[in-house]
Each structure stands twice: as structure tokens, then as C-alpha cells.
């Protein structure tokens, strides 16, 4: 049987909303969580049954890694921009 990317597999672990927020996976409110899901900046959950919606743990971990990489990239870009400004100021003196 072939599985699509959106279909859970037997080995997937799932995280419910309450666990995401209180378990330290994310540092924002449920309103922000759903806003980020809607705008595509946070992984969408899967509907496991009529009353159960959850996120695949691996999707959350990938999102966390991407956020950490993005922060490092932003910090490097900020340092490079500050350095360029300093050097530009030295050339005009």
C-alpha cells in the first residue's frame, strides 16, 4: 500500500494542540498557532478522526530546525550589514 505525504504511517508520533503549547514545542498562543497554520508558516495538522486533530512530531521537529536555521541566517545577515556600514564609514573619513 502506497502512502502519500499527508497520510499518517504506523510509525508516526502525534502531538495534540495542548501538548504543543504546554509542552514547550512552541512559544506562542493557540490563536497564533492557528494563524500560522492558515498562512502556511507552521505545519498543518492532520485530522485523525472526527474529534482528534494532531500534528506529526517529525513535522514539528523539522519546523523547529528550519526556525533555528533562519535565526542563524538572520543573525549572520545582520552582522554582515553592520560590518558593511562600519566599513563604508571608514572609507569616507
PDB file of N, CA and C in Angstrom:
ATOM      1  N   UNK A   1       0.839  -1.188   0.000  1.00  0.00           N
ATOM      2  CA  UNK A   1       0.000   0.000   0.000  1.00  0.00           C
ATOM      3  C   UNK A   1       0.880   1.247   0.000  1.00  0.00           C
ATOM      4  N   UNK A   2       0.622   2.174  -0.896  1.00  0.00           N
ATOM      5  CA  UNK A   2       1.414   3.387  -1.034  1.00  0.00           C
ATOM      6  C   UNK A   2       0.851   4.477  -0.124  1.00  0.00           C
ATOM      7  N   UNK A   3       1.740   5.202   0.572  1.00  0.00           N
ATOM      8  CA  UNK A   3       1.313   6.281   1.464  1.00  0.00           C
ATOM      9  C   UNK A   3       1.660   7.617   0.845  1.00  0.00           C
ATOM     10  N   UNK A   4       0.753   8.582   0.926  1.00  0.00           N
ATOM     11  CA  UNK A   4       1.072   9.936   0.473  1.00  0.00           C
ATOM     12  C   UNK A   4       1.700  10.688   1.628  1.00  0.00           C
ATOM     13  N   UNK A   5       2.269  11.857   1.334  1.00  0.00           N
ATOM     14  CA  UNK A   5       2.948  12.656   2.355  1.00  0.00           C
ATOM     15  C   UNK A   5       2.005  13.084   3.472  1.00  0.00           C
ATOM     16  N   UNK A   6       0.699  13.211   3.186  1.00  0.00           N
ATOM     17  CA  UNK A   6      -0.250  13.677   4.192  1.00  0.00           C
ATOM     18  C   UNK A   6      -0.913  12.548   4.968  1.00  0.00           C
ATOM     19  N   UNK A   7      -0.632  11.311   4.622  1.00  0.00           N
ATOM     20  CA  UNK A   7      -1.235  10.176   5.313  1.00  0.00           C
ATOM     21  C   UNK A   7      -0.329   9.711   6.442  1.00  0.00           C
ATOM     22  N   UNK A   8      -0.879   9.534   7.639  1.00  0.00           N
ATOM     23  CA  UNK A   8      -0.056   9.034   8.741  1.00  0.00           C
ATOM     24  C   UNK A   8       0.382   7.601   8.491  1.00  0.00           C
ATOM     25  N   UNK A   9       1.561   7.285   9.004  1.00  0.00           N
ATOM     26  CA  UNK A   9       2.030   5.907   8.939  1.00  0.00           C
ATOM     27  C   UNK A   9       1.987   5.322  10.340  1.00  0.00           C
ATOM     28  N   UNK A  10       2.187   4.034  10.464  1.00  0.00           N
ATOM     29  CA  UNK A  10       2.147   3.364  11.761  1.00  0.00           C
ATOM     30  C   UNK A  10       3.214   3.923  12.688  1.00  0.00           C
ATOM     31  N   UNK A  11       4.350   4.365  12.131  1.00  0.00           N
ATOM     32  CA  UNK A  11       5.469   4.817  12.953  1.00  0.00           C
ATOM     33  C   UNK A  11       5.388   6.286  13.358  1.00  0.00           C
ATOM     34  N   UNK A  12       4.445   7.031  12.803  1.00  0.00           N
ATOM     35  CA  UNK A  12       4.324   8.446  13.156  1.00  0.00           C
ATOM     36  C   UNK A  12       3.882   8.622  14.604  1.00  0.00           C
ATOM     37  N   UNK A  13       4.497   9.609  15.261  1.00  0.00           N
ATOM     38  CA  UNK A  13       4.045  10.021  16.596  1.00  0.00           C
ATOM     39  C   UNK A  13       3.322  11.338  16.423  1.00  0.00           C
ATOM     40  N   UNK A  14       2.275  11.529  17.211  1.00  0.00           N
ATOM     41  CA  UNK A  14       1.438  12.701  17.048  1.00  0.00           C
ATOM     42  C   UNK A  14       1.434  13.555  18.300  1.00  0.00           C
ATOM     43  N   UNK A  15       1.253  14.863  18.093  1.00  0.00           N
ATOM     44  CA  UNK A  15       1.225  15.836  19.177  1.00  0.00           C
ATOM     45  C   UNK A  15      -0.071  16.624  19.043  1.00  0.00           C
ATOM     46  N   UNK A  16      -0.831  16.662  20.128  1.00  0.00           N
ATOM     47  CA  UNK A  16      -2.080  17.425  20.151  1.00  0.00           C
ATOM     48  C   UNK A  16      -1.766  18.887  20.467  1.00  0.00           C
ATOM     49  N   UNK A  17      -2.720  19.777  20.218  1.00  0.00           N
ATOM     50  CA  UNK A  17      -2.526  21.215  20.423  1.00  0.00           C
ATOM     51  C   UNK A  17      -2.081  21.538  21.853  1.00  0.00           C
ATOM     52  N   UNK A  18      -2.737  20.942  22.814  1.00  0.00           N
ATOM     53  CA  UNK A  18      -2.408  21.204  24.223  1.00  0.00           C
ATOM     54  C   UNK A  18      -0.936  20.864  24.505  1.00  0.00           C
ATOM     55  N   UNK A  19      -0.462  19.747  23.939  1.00  0.00           N
ATOM     56  CA  UNK A  19       0.925  19.344  24.125  1.00  0.00           C
ATOM     57  C   UNK A  19       1.891  20.309  23.425  1.00  0.00           C
ATOM     58  N   UNK A  20       1.503  20.794  22.248  1.00  0.00           N
ATOM     59  CA  UNK A  20       2.353  21.752  21.541  1.00  0.00           C
ATOM     60  C   UNK A  20       2.601  22.987  22.383  1.00  0.00           C
ATOM     61  N   UNK A  21       1.516  23.502  22.950  1.00  0.00           N
ATOM     62  CA  UNK A  21       1.592  24.765  23.683  1.00  0.00           C
ATOM     63  C   UNK A  21       2.192  24.577  25.071  1.00  0.00           C
ATOM     64  N   UNK A  22       1.715  23.612  25.834  1.00  0.00           N
ATOM     65  CA  UNK A  22       2.200  23.443  27.215  1.00  0.00           C
ATOM     66  C   UNK A  22       3.479  22.622  27.296  1.00  0.00           C
ATOM     67  N   UNK A  23       3.800  21.865  26.258  1.00  0.00           N
ATOM     68  CA  UNK A  23       4.975  21.002  26.269  1.00  0.00           C
ATOM     69  C   UNK A  23       6.252  21.673  25.810  1.00  0.00           C
ATOM     70  N   UNK A  24       6.184  22.958  25.479  1.00  0.00           N
ATOM     71  CA  UNK A  24       7.378  23.680  25.095  1.00  0.00           C
ATOM     72  C   UNK A  24       7.791  23.510  23.637  1.00  0.00           C
ATOM     73  N   UNK A  25       6.937  22.905  22.819  1.00  0.00           N
ATOM     74  CA  UNK A  25       7.271  22.764  21.400  1.00  0.00           C
ATOM     75  C   UNK A  25       7.211  24.110  20.685  1.00  0.00           C
ATOM     76  N   UNK A  26       6.269  24.961  21.112  1.00  0.00           N
ATOM     77  CA  UNK A  26       6.112  26.285  20.524  1.00  0.00           C
ATOM     78  C   UNK A  26       6.000  27.304  21.649  1.00  0.00           C
ATOM     79  N   UNK A  27       6.319  28.538  21.325  1.00  0.00           N
ATOM     80  CA  UNK A  27       6.282  29.588  22.348  1.00  0.00           C
ATOM     81  C   UNK A  27       5.259  30.662  21.982  1.00  0.00           C
ATOM     82  N   UNK A  28       4.105  30.231  21.478  1.00  0.00           N
ATOM     83  CA  UNK A  28       3.055  31.179  21.171  1.00  0.00           C
ATOM     84  C   UNK A  28       1.697  30.581  21.493  1.00  0.00           C
ATOM     85  N   UNK A  29       0.689  31.426  21.478  1.00  0.00           N
ATOM     86  CA  UNK A  29      -0.662  31.042  21.897  1.00  0.00           C
ATOM     87  C   UNK A  29      -1.373  30.199  20.843  1.00  0.00           C
ATOM     88  N   UNK A  30      -2.535  29.651  21.246  1.00  0.00           N
ATOM     89  CA  UNK A  30      -3.309  28.859  20.291  1.00  0.00           C
ATOM     90  C   UNK A  30      -3.815  29.718  19.135  1.00  0.00           C
ATOM     91  N   UNK A  31      -4.134  30.988  19.408  1.00  0.00           N
ATOM     92  CA  UNK A  31      -4.588  31.881  18.325  1.00  0.00           C
ATOM     93  C   UNK A  31      -3.473  32.097  17.305  1.00  0.00           C
ATOM     94  N   UNK A  32      -2.265  32.307  17.793  1.00  0.00           N
ATOM     95  CA  UNK A  32      -1.118  32.484  16.893  1.00  0.00           C
ATOM     96  C   UNK A  32      -0.813  31.188  16.155  1.00  0.00           C
ATOM     97  N   UNK A  33      -0.938  30.072  16.842  1.00  0.00           N
ATOM     98  CA  UNK A  33      -0.727  28.773  16.201  1.00  0.00           C
ATOM     99  C   UNK A  33      -1.620  28.626  14.977  1.00  0.00           C
ATOM    100  N   UNK A  34      -2.912  28.871  15.126  1.00  0.00           N
ATOM    101  CA  UNK A  34      -3.850  28.683  14.025  1.00  0.00           C
ATOM    102  C   UNK A  34      -3.662  29.737  12.944  1.00  0.00           C
ATOM    103  N   UNK A  35      -3.267  30.952  13.331  1.00  0.00           N
ATOM    104  CA  UNK A  35      -2.965  31.978  12.327  1.00  0.00           C
ATOM    105  C   UNK A  35      -1.774  31.538  11.473  1.00  0.00           C
ATOM    106  N   UNK A  36      -0.740  30.976  12.124  1.00  0.00           N
ATOM    107  CA  UNK A  36       0.436  30.493  11.398  1.00  0.00           C
ATOM    108  C   UNK A  36       0.091  29.286  10.520  1.00  0.00           C
ATOM    109  N   UNK A  37      -0.793  28.416  10.984  1.00  0.00           N
ATOM    110  CA  UNK A  37      -1.234  27.288  10.151  1.00  0.00           C
ATOM    111  C   UNK A  37      -1.938  27.834   8.904  1.00  0.00           C
ATOM    112  N   UNK A  38      -2.832  28.808   9.103  1.00  0.00           N
ATOM    113  CA  UNK A  38      -3.579  29.386   7.972  1.00  0.00           C
ATOM    114  C   UNK A  38      -2.655  30.055   6.957  1.00  0.00           C
ATOM    115  N   UNK A  39      -1.634  30.772   7.449  1.00  0.00           N
ATOM    116  CA  UNK A  39      -0.768  31.490   6.491  1.00  0.00           C
ATOM    117  C   UNK A  39       0.384  30.630   5.968  1.00  0.00           C
ATOM    118  N   UNK A  40       0.448  29.371   6.430  1.00  0.00           N
ATOM    119  CA  UNK A  40       1.447  28.441   5.903  1.00  0.00           C
ATOM    120  C   UNK A  40       2.807  28.522   6.563  1.00  0.00           C
ATOM    121  N   UNK A  41       2.933  29.299   7.633  1.00  0.00           N
ATOM    122  CA  UNK A  41       4.234  29.414   8.297  1.00  0.00           C
ATOM    123  C   UNK A  41       4.418  28.399   9.430  1.00  0.00           C
ATOM    124  N   UNK A  42       3.440  27.521   9.611  1.00  0.00           N
ATOM    125  CA  UNK A  42       3.525  26.436  10.582  1.00  0.00           C
ATOM    126  C   UNK A  42       2.855  25.221   9.951  1.00  0.00           C
ATOM    127  N   UNK A  43       3.373  24.023  10.188  1.00  0.00           N
ATOM    128  CA  UNK A  43       2.785  22.828   9.560  1.00  0.00           C
ATOM    129  C   UNK A  43       1.305  22.660   9.892  1.00  0.00           C
ATOM    130  N   UNK A  44       0.563  22.193   8.923  1.00  0.00           N
ATOM    131  CA  UNK A  44      -0.860  21.915   9.131  1.00  0.00           C
ATOM    132  C   UNK A  44      -1.020  20.597   9.883  1.00  0.00           C
ATOM    133  N   UNK A  45      -2.010  20.527  10.751  1.00  0.00           N
ATOM    134  CA  UNK A  45      -2.267  19.273  11.468  1.00  0.00           C
ATOM    135  C   UNK A  45      -2.998  18.275  10.578  1.00  0.00           C
ATOM    136  N   UNK A  46      -3.100  17.067  11.055  1.00  0.00           N
ATOM    137  CA  UNK A  46      -3.873  16.026  10.388  1.00  0.00           C
ATOM    138  C   UNK A  46      -5.134  15.763  11.198  1.00  0.00           C
ATOM    139  N   UNK A  47      -6.213  15.504  10.523  1.00  0.00           N
ATOM    140  CA  UNK A  47      -7.473  15.127  11.177  1.00  0.00           C
ATOM    141  C   UNK A  47      -7.445  13.607  11.295  1.00  0.00           C
ATOM    142  N   UNK A  48      -7.207  13.102  12.522  1.00  0.00           N
ATOM    143  CA  UNK A  48      -7.084  11.662  12.731  1.00  0.00           C
ATOM    144  C   UNK A  48      -8.433  10.978  12.874  1.00  0.00           C
ATOM    145  N   UNK A  49      -9.411  11.718  13.387  1.00  0.00           N
ATOM    146  CA  UNK A  49     -10.786  11.216  13.481  1.00  0.00           C
ATOM    147  C   UNK A  49     -11.693  12.427  13.657  1.00  0.00           C
ATOM    148  N   UNK A  50     -12.970  12.184  13.844  1.00  0.00           N
ATOM    149  CA  UNK A  50     -13.925  13.290  13.944  1.00  0.00           C
ATOM    150  C   UNK A  50     -13.562  14.290  15.040  1.00  0.00           C
ATOM    151  N   UNK A  51     -13.053  13.828  16.157  1.00  0.00           N
ATOM    152  CA  UNK A  51     -12.747  14.728  17.262  1.00  0.00           C
ATOM    153  C   UNK A  51     -11.269  14.863  17.577  1.00  0.00           C
ATOM    154  N   UNK A  52     -10.408  14.353  16.713  1.00  0.00           N
ATOM    155  CA  UNK A  52      -8.973  14.353  17.017  1.00  0.00           C
ATOM    156  C   UNK A  52      -8.173  14.973  15.870  1.00  0.00           C
ATOM    157  N   UNK A  53      -7.526  16.088  16.190  1.00  0.00           N
ATOM    158  CA  UNK A  53      -6.624  16.760  15.268  1.00  0.00           C
ATOM    159  C   UNK A  53      -5.261  16.794  15.944  1.00  0.00           C
ATOM    160  N   UNK A  54      -4.207  16.462  15.203  1.00  0.00           N
ATOM    161  CA  UNK A  54      -2.873  16.435  15.792  1.00  0.00           C
ATOM    162  C   UNK A  54      -1.830  16.699  14.716  1.00  0.00           C
ATOM    163  N   UNK A  55      -0.636  17.039  15.173  1.00  0.00           N
ATOM    164  CA  UNK A  55       0.488  17.285  14.287  1.00  0.00           C
ATOM    165  C   UNK A  55       1.444  16.109  14.358  1.00  0.00           C
ATOM    166  N   UNK A  56       2.046  15.771  13.239  1.00  0.00           N
ATOM    167  CA  UNK A  56       3.099  14.763  13.243  1.00  0.00           C
ATOM    168  C   UNK A  56       4.306  15.358  13.944  1.00  0.00           C
ATOM    169  N   UNK A  57       4.873  14.603  14.864  1.00  0.00           N
ATOM    170  CA  UNK A  57       6.043  15.073  15.604  1.00  0.00           C
ATOM    171  C   UNK A  57       7.169  15.460  14.646  1.00  0.00           C
ATOM    172  N   UNK A  58       7.397  14.662  13.623  1.00  0.00           N
ATOM    173  CA  UNK A  58       8.502  14.961  12.700  1.00  0.00           C
ATOM    174  C   UNK A  58       8.282  16.274  11.966  1.00  0.00           C
ATOM    175  N   UNK A  59       7.022  16.636  11.662  1.00  0.00           N
ATOM    176  CA  UNK A  59       6.745  17.923  11.020  1.00  0.00           C
ATOM    177  C   UNK A  59       7.110  19.082  11.951  1.00  0.00           C
ATOM    178  N   UNK A  60       6.799  18.919  13.239  1.00  0.00           N
ATOM    179  CA  UNK A  60       7.112  19.961  14.221  1.00  0.00           C
ATOM    180  C   UNK A  60       8.629  20.079  14.392  1.00  0.00           C
ATOM    181  N   UNK A  61       9.324  18.955  14.474  1.00  0.00           N
ATOM    182  CA  UNK A  61      10.784  18.989  14.630  1.00  0.00           C
ATOM    183  C   UNK A  61      11.454  19.613  13.412  1.00  0.00           C
ATOM    184  N   UNK A  62      10.962  19.316  12.219  1.00  0.00           N
ATOM    185  CA  UNK A  62      11.500  19.946  11.003  1.00  0.00           C
ATOM    186  C   UNK A  62      11.257  21.449  11.036  1.00  0.00           C
ATOM    187  N   UNK A  63      10.068  21.866  11.468  1.00  0.00           N
ATOM    188  CA  UNK A  63       9.753  23.286  11.570  1.00  0.00           C
ATOM    189  C   UNK A  63      10.702  23.966  12.565  1.00  0.00           C
ATOM    190  N   UNK A  64      10.939  23.328  13.719  1.00  0.00           N
ATOM    191  CA  UNK A  64      11.847  23.898  14.714  1.00  0.00           C
ATOM    192  C   UNK A  64      13.257  24.068  14.132  1.00  0.00           C
ATOM    193  N   UNK A  65      13.738  23.051  13.417  1.00  0.00           N
ATOM    194  CA  UNK A  65      15.068  23.149  12.791  1.00  0.00           C
ATOM    195  C   UNK A  65      15.106  24.292  11.780  1.00  0.00           C
ATOM    196  N   UNK A  66      14.061  24.422  10.988  1.00  0.00           N
ATOM    197  CA  UNK A  66      14.043  25.490   9.990  1.00  0.00           C
ATOM    198  C   UNK A  66      14.041  26.868  10.665  1.00  0.00           C
ATOM    199  N   UNK A  67      13.364  26.968  11.802  1.00  0.00           N
ATOM    200  CA  UNK A  67      13.346  28.236  12.531  1.00  0.00           C
ATOM    201  C   UNK A  67      14.727  28.558  13.084  1.00  0.00           C
ATOM    202  N   UNK A  68      15.406  27.559  13.613  1.00  0.00           N
ATOM    203  CA  UNK A  68      16.745  27.762  14.161  1.00  0.00           C
ATOM    204  C   UNK A  68      17.713  28.172  13.051  1.00  0.00           C
ATOM    205  N   UNK A  69      17.625  27.536  11.900  1.00  0.00           N
ATOM    206  CA  UNK A  69      18.483  27.890  10.758  1.00  0.00           C
ATOM    207  C   UNK A  69      18.184  29.301  10.291  1.00  0.00           C
ATOM    208  N   UNK A  70      16.919  29.661  10.267  1.00  0.00           N
ATOM    209  CA  UNK A  70      16.520  31.005   9.862  1.00  0.00           C
ATOM    210  C   UNK A  70      17.049  32.060  10.809  1.00  0.00           C
ATOM    211  N   UNK A  71      17.015  31.800  12.116  1.00  0.00           N
ATOM    212  CA  UNK A  71      17.549  32.742  13.101  1.00  0.00           C
ATOM    213  C   UNK A  71      19.037  32.931  12.898  1.00  0.00           C
ATOM    214  N   UNK A  72      19.762  31.827  12.704  1.00  0.00           N
ATOM    215  CA  UNK A  72      21.207  31.940  12.486  1.00  0.00           C
ATOM    216  C   UNK A  72      21.490  32.732  11.222  1.00  0.00           C
ATOM    217  N   UNK A  73      20.726  32.484  10.158  1.00  0.00           N
ATOM    218  CA  UNK A  73      20.909  33.195   8.900  1.00  0.00           C
ATOM    219  C   UNK A  73      20.640  34.682   9.104  1.00  0.00           C
ATOM    220  N   UNK A  74      19.568  35.030   9.832  1.00  0.00           N
ATOM    221  CA  UNK A  74      19.254  36.431  10.094  1.00  0.00           C
ATOM    222  C   UNK A  74      20.349  37.093  10.916  1.00  0.00           C
ATOM    223  N   UNK A  75      20.892  36.383  11.920  1.00  0.00           N
ATOM    224  CA  UNK A  75      21.969  36.945  12.727  1.00  0.00           C
ATOM    225  C   UNK A  75      23.211  37.205  11.893  1.00  0.00           C
ATOM    226  N   UNK A  76      23.566  36.274  11.016  1.00  0.00           N
ATOM    227  CA  UNK A  76      24.724  36.451  10.143  1.00  0.00           C
ATOM    228  C   UNK A  76      24.491  37.629   9.210  1.00  0.00           C
ATOM    229  N   UNK A  77      23.301  37.715   8.613  1.00  0.00           N
ATOM    230  CA  UNK A  77      22.993  38.830   7.713  1.00  0.00           C
ATOM    231  C   UNK A  77      23.059  40.165   8.443  1.00  0.00           C
ATOM    232  N   UNK A  78      22.581  40.219   9.690  1.00  0.00           N
ATOM    233  CA  UNK A  78      22.647  41.453  10.482  1.00  0.00           C
ATOM    234  C   UNK A  78      24.089  41.848  10.762  1.00  0.00           C
ATOM    235  N   UNK A  79      24.909  40.851  11.112  1.00  0.00           N
ATOM    236  CA  UNK A  79      26.321  41.140  11.383  1.00  0.00           C
ATOM    237  C   UNK A  79      27.020  41.632  10.120  1.00  0.00           C
ATOM    238  N   UNK A  80      26.725  41.015   8.980  1.00  0.00           N
ATOM    239  CA  UNK A  80      27.340  41.440   7.720  1.00  0.00           C
ATOM    240  C   UNK A  80      26.913  42.857   7.347  1.00  0.00           C
ATOM    241  N   UNK A  81      25.639  43.168   7.545  1.00  0.00           N
ATOM    242  CA  UNK A  81      25.142  44.506   7.238  1.00  0.00           C
ATOM    243  C   UNK A  81      25.802  45.539   8.141  1.00  0.00           C
ATOM    244  N   UNK A  82      25.943  45.239   9.429  1.00  0.00           N
ATOM    245  CA  UNK A  82      26.589  46.165  10.364  1.00  0.00           C
ATOM    246  C   UNK A  82      28.054  46.364   9.985  1.00  0.00           C
ATOM    247  N   UNK A  83      28.702  45.305   9.589  1.00  0.00           N
ATOM    248  CA  UNK A  83      30.100  45.393   9.186  1.00  0.00           C
ATOM    249  C   UNK A  83      30.242  46.251   7.927  1.00  0.00           C
ATOM    250  N   UNK A  84      29.335  46.073   6.987  1.00  0.00           N
ATOM    251  CA  UNK A  84      29.378  46.853   5.747  1.00  0.00           C
ATOM    252  C   UNK A  84      29.197  48.338   6.042  1.00  0.00           C
ATOM    253  N   UNK A  85      28.299  48.669   6.976  1.00  0.00           N
ATOM    254  CA  UNK A  85      28.069  50.062   7.351  1.00  0.00           C
ATOM    255  C   UNK A  85      29.328  50.641   7.993  1.00  0.00           C
ATOM    256  N   UNK A  86      29.959  49.865   8.880  1.00  0.00           N
ATOM    257  CA  UNK A  86      31.204  50.327   9.522  1.00  0.00           C
ATOM    258  C   UNK A  86      32.280  50.594   8.486  1.00  0.00           C
ATOM    259  N   UNK A  87      32.449  49.653   7.573  1.00  0.00           N
ATOM    260  CA  UNK A  87      33.489  49.792   6.553  1.00  0.00           C
ATOM    261  C   UNK A  87      33.185  50.919   5.590  1.00  0.00           C
ATOM    262  N   UNK A  88      31.936  51.164   5.286  1.00  0.00           N
ATOM    263  CA  UNK A  88      31.569  52.256   4.417  1.00  0.00           C
ATOM    264  C   UNK A  88      31.895  53.588   5.082  1.00  0.00           C
ATOM    265  N   UNK A  89      31.687  53.656   6.387  1.00  0.00           N
ATOM    266  CA  UNK A  89      32.009  54.860   7.146  1.00  0.00           C
ATOM    267  C   UNK A  89      33.495  55.123   7.211  1.00  0.00           C
ATOM    268  N   UNK A  90      34.303  54.063   7.236  1.00  0.00           N
ATOM    269  CA  UNK A  90      35.765  54.216   7.279  1.00  0.00           C
ATOM    270  C   UNK A  90      36.287  54.768   5.969  1.00  0.00           C
ATOM    271  N   UNK A  91      35.682  54.407   4.872  1.00  0.00           N
ATOM    272  CA  UNK A  91      36.157  54.830   3.557  1.00  0.00           C
ATOM    273  C   UNK A  91      35.889  56.297   3.293  1.00  0.00           C
ATOM    274  N   UNK A  92      34.897  56.885   3.955  1.00  0.00           N
ATOM    275  CA  UNK A  92      34.556  58.294   3.691  1.00  0.00           C
ATOM    276  C   UNK A  92      35.236  59.255   4.638  1.00  0.00           C
ATOM    277  N   UNK A  93      36.048  58.747   5.546  1.00  0.00           N
ATOM    278  CA  UNK A  93      36.676  59.633   6.543  1.00  0.00           C
ATOM    279  C   UNK A  93      37.893  60.311   6.033  1.00  0.00           C
TER     280      UNK A  93
END
